[in-house]
Structures are given as structure tokens and as C-alpha cells.
Amino acid sequence: MGYFGKVDKKSIVYVLDNGIASLKDEVIKNDKDNSSTLWSKFKHLEKLLYGEGRALLSITNKVRFESRLNTVRKKLEKIY
């Protein structure tokens, strides 16, 4: 879930968009043995959004990704 090259808006948007989508798919599969891995992926995406994304993303993108992450968090909490 890393990204390569120059850290800019496009790379952060790409990583967040694809990372959140893949994490959501993994949560839907509902593999109980994988819960610690799913939580670590969630924390990584959250760190990226609130760390580097804070300065580089527009408010619209921040709200969009924050909303999607909150949805995934609720599903994780419900299942695990």
C-alpha cells in the first residue's frame, strides 16, 4: 500500500482511492483470522489521510476520503 516517486496530490489520491476500495472488499469477505491485518491497513490509510494528505488534498477530497474511511471503520467495528 505504498506509493512511489514524488509525493503529490495525485499519488495520495490514487493510494487512498485504491486502498480504501480494496480494504472495503476485504472487510466484506469477512475473514476473522485477518482482523489485525485489516486494522493495520486501516491505520495506514488513516495516517496517510491525516498526515501528508492534510496539506496536499483539497477539502472536498479530505471529506470524501474521511467519509469512506469512517464507513470502513464502522464495518470493521461491527464485524470484529
C-alpha atoms as a PDB file:
ATOM      1  CA  MET A   1       0.000   0.000   0.000  1.00  0.00           C
ATOM      2  CA  GLY A   2       2.933   2.267  -0.506  1.00  0.00           C
ATOM      3  CA  TYR A   3       3.452   4.720  -3.261  1.00  0.00           C
ATOM      4  CA  PHE A   4       6.498   5.532  -5.275  1.00  0.00           C
ATOM      5  CA  GLY A   5       8.040   8.675  -6.640  1.00  0.00           C
ATOM      6  CA  LYS A   6       7.239  12.217  -5.748  1.00  0.00           C
ATOM      7  CA  VAL A   7       4.624  12.663  -3.039  1.00  0.00           C
ATOM      8  CA  ASP A   8       1.939  14.834  -4.568  1.00  0.00           C
ATOM      9  CA  LYS A   9      -1.818  15.167  -4.658  1.00  0.00           C
ATOM     10  CA  LYS A  10      -2.298  12.650  -7.465  1.00  0.00           C
ATOM     11  CA  SER A  11      -0.283   9.914  -5.772  1.00  0.00           C
ATOM     12  CA  ILE A  12      -2.071  10.368  -2.442  1.00  0.00           C
ATOM     13  CA  VAL A  13      -5.495  10.376  -4.123  1.00  0.00           C
ATOM     14  CA  TYR A  14      -4.546   7.215  -6.030  1.00  0.00           C
ATOM     15  CA  VAL A  15      -3.331   5.366  -2.931  1.00  0.00           C
ATOM     16  CA  LEU A  16      -6.309   6.408  -0.808  1.00  0.00           C
ATOM     17  CA  ASP A  17      -8.858   5.627  -3.508  1.00  0.00           C
ATOM     18  CA  ASN A  18      -7.498   2.172  -4.286  1.00  0.00           C
ATOM     19  CA  GLY A  19      -6.522   1.384  -0.695  1.00  0.00           C
ATOM     20  CA  ILE A  20      -9.942   2.160   0.730  1.00  0.00           C
ATOM     21  CA  ALA A  21     -11.683   0.202  -2.046  1.00  0.00           C
ATOM     22  CA  SER A  22      -9.523  -2.884  -1.540  1.00  0.00           C
ATOM     23  CA  LEU A  23      -9.857  -2.686   2.248  1.00  0.00           C
ATOM     24  CA  LYS A  24     -13.633  -2.451   1.936  1.00  0.00           C
ATOM     25  CA  ASP A  25     -13.643  -5.543  -0.292  1.00  0.00           C
ATOM     26  CA  GLU A  26     -11.513  -7.446   2.235  1.00  0.00           C
ATOM     27  CA  VAL A  27     -13.816  -6.448   5.101  1.00  0.00           C
ATOM     28  CA  ILE A  28     -16.834  -7.640   3.112  1.00  0.00           C
ATOM     29  CA  LYS A  29     -15.145 -11.032   2.636  1.00  0.00           C
ATOM     30  CA  ASN A  30     -15.205 -11.189   6.447  1.00  0.00           C
ATOM     31  CA  ASP A  31     -12.161 -13.327   7.264  1.00  0.00           C
ATOM     32  CA  LYS A  32     -11.964 -13.328  11.080  1.00  0.00           C
ATOM     33  CA  ASP A  33      -8.330 -14.515  11.112  1.00  0.00           C
ATOM     34  CA  ASN A  34      -7.288 -11.435   9.192  1.00  0.00           C
ATOM     35  CA  SER A  35      -8.603  -8.758  11.576  1.00  0.00           C
ATOM     36  CA  SER A  36      -5.230  -7.443  12.779  1.00  0.00           C
ATOM     37  CA  THR A  37      -4.020  -7.063   9.196  1.00  0.00           C
ATOM     38  CA  LEU A  38      -7.187  -5.216   8.222  1.00  0.00           C
ATOM     39  CA  TRP A  39      -6.868  -2.860  11.186  1.00  0.00           C
ATOM     40  CA  SER A  40      -3.219  -2.138  10.331  1.00  0.00           C
ATOM     41  CA  LYS A  41      -4.186  -1.326   6.733  1.00  0.00           C
ATOM     42  CA  PHE A  42      -6.924   0.946   8.052  1.00  0.00           C
ATOM     43  CA  LYS A  43      -4.487   2.755  10.364  1.00  0.00           C
ATOM     44  CA  HIS A  44      -2.024   3.187   7.476  1.00  0.00           C
ATOM     45  CA  LEU A  45      -4.693   4.812   5.284  1.00  0.00           C
ATOM     46  CA  GLU A  46      -5.875   6.988   8.162  1.00  0.00           C
ATOM     47  CA  LYS A  47      -2.302   8.101   8.824  1.00  0.00           C
ATOM     48  CA  LEU A  48      -1.839   8.960   5.152  1.00  0.00           C
ATOM     49  CA  LEU A  49      -5.067  10.961   5.020  1.00  0.00           C
ATOM     50  CA  TYR A  50      -4.432  12.964   8.179  1.00  0.00           C
ATOM     51  CA  GLY A  51      -0.662  13.206   7.736  1.00  0.00           C
ATOM     52  CA  GLU A  52       0.547  14.021   4.240  1.00  0.00           C
ATOM     53  CA  GLY A  53      -2.972  14.405   2.894  1.00  0.00           C
ATOM     54  CA  ARG A  54      -3.745  17.244   5.280  1.00  0.00           C
ATOM     55  CA  ALA A  55      -1.525  19.669   3.375  1.00  0.00           C
ATOM     56  CA  LEU A  56      -1.918  18.332  -0.157  1.00  0.00           C
ATOM     57  CA  LEU A  57      -5.587  17.418  -0.553  1.00  0.00           C
ATOM     58  CA  SER A  58      -8.468  19.779  -1.175  1.00  0.00           C
ATOM     59  CA  ILE A  59     -11.207  19.982   1.424  1.00  0.00           C
ATOM     60  CA  THR A  60     -13.556  18.145  -0.932  1.00  0.00           C
ATOM     61  CA  ASN A  61     -11.161  15.208  -1.238  1.00  0.00           C
ATOM     62  CA  LYS A  62     -10.476  15.174   2.507  1.00  0.00           C
ATOM     63  CA  VAL A  63     -14.193  14.966   3.292  1.00  0.00           C
ATOM     64  CA  ARG A  64     -14.758  12.312   0.627  1.00  0.00           C
ATOM     65  CA  PHE A  65     -11.953  10.060   1.865  1.00  0.00           C
ATOM     66  CA  GLU A  66     -12.793  10.680   5.518  1.00  0.00           C
ATOM     67  CA  SER A  67     -16.377   9.609   4.857  1.00  0.00           C
ATOM     68  CA  ARG A  68     -15.261   6.447   3.070  1.00  0.00           C
ATOM     69  CA  LEU A  69     -12.794   5.612   5.852  1.00  0.00           C
ATOM     70  CA  ASN A  70     -15.480   6.106   8.500  1.00  0.00           C
ATOM     71  CA  THR A  71     -17.739   3.696   6.629  1.00  0.00           C
ATOM     72  CA  VAL A  72     -14.979   1.080   6.580  1.00  0.00           C
ATOM     73  CA  ARG A  73     -14.261   1.707  10.279  1.00  0.00           C
ATOM     74  CA  LYS A  74     -17.911   1.081  11.168  1.00  0.00           C
ATOM     75  CA  LYS A  75     -17.882  -2.188   9.213  1.00  0.00           C
ATOM     76  CA  LEU A  76     -14.643  -3.260  10.918  1.00  0.00           C
ATOM     77  CA  GLU A  77     -16.024  -2.464  14.367  1.00  0.00           C
ATOM     78  CA  LYS A  78     -19.257  -4.277  13.611  1.00  0.00           C
ATOM     79  CA  ILE A  79     -17.532  -7.439  12.387  1.00  0.00           C
ATOM     80  CA  TYR A  80     -14.560  -7.571  14.740  1.00  0.00           C
END
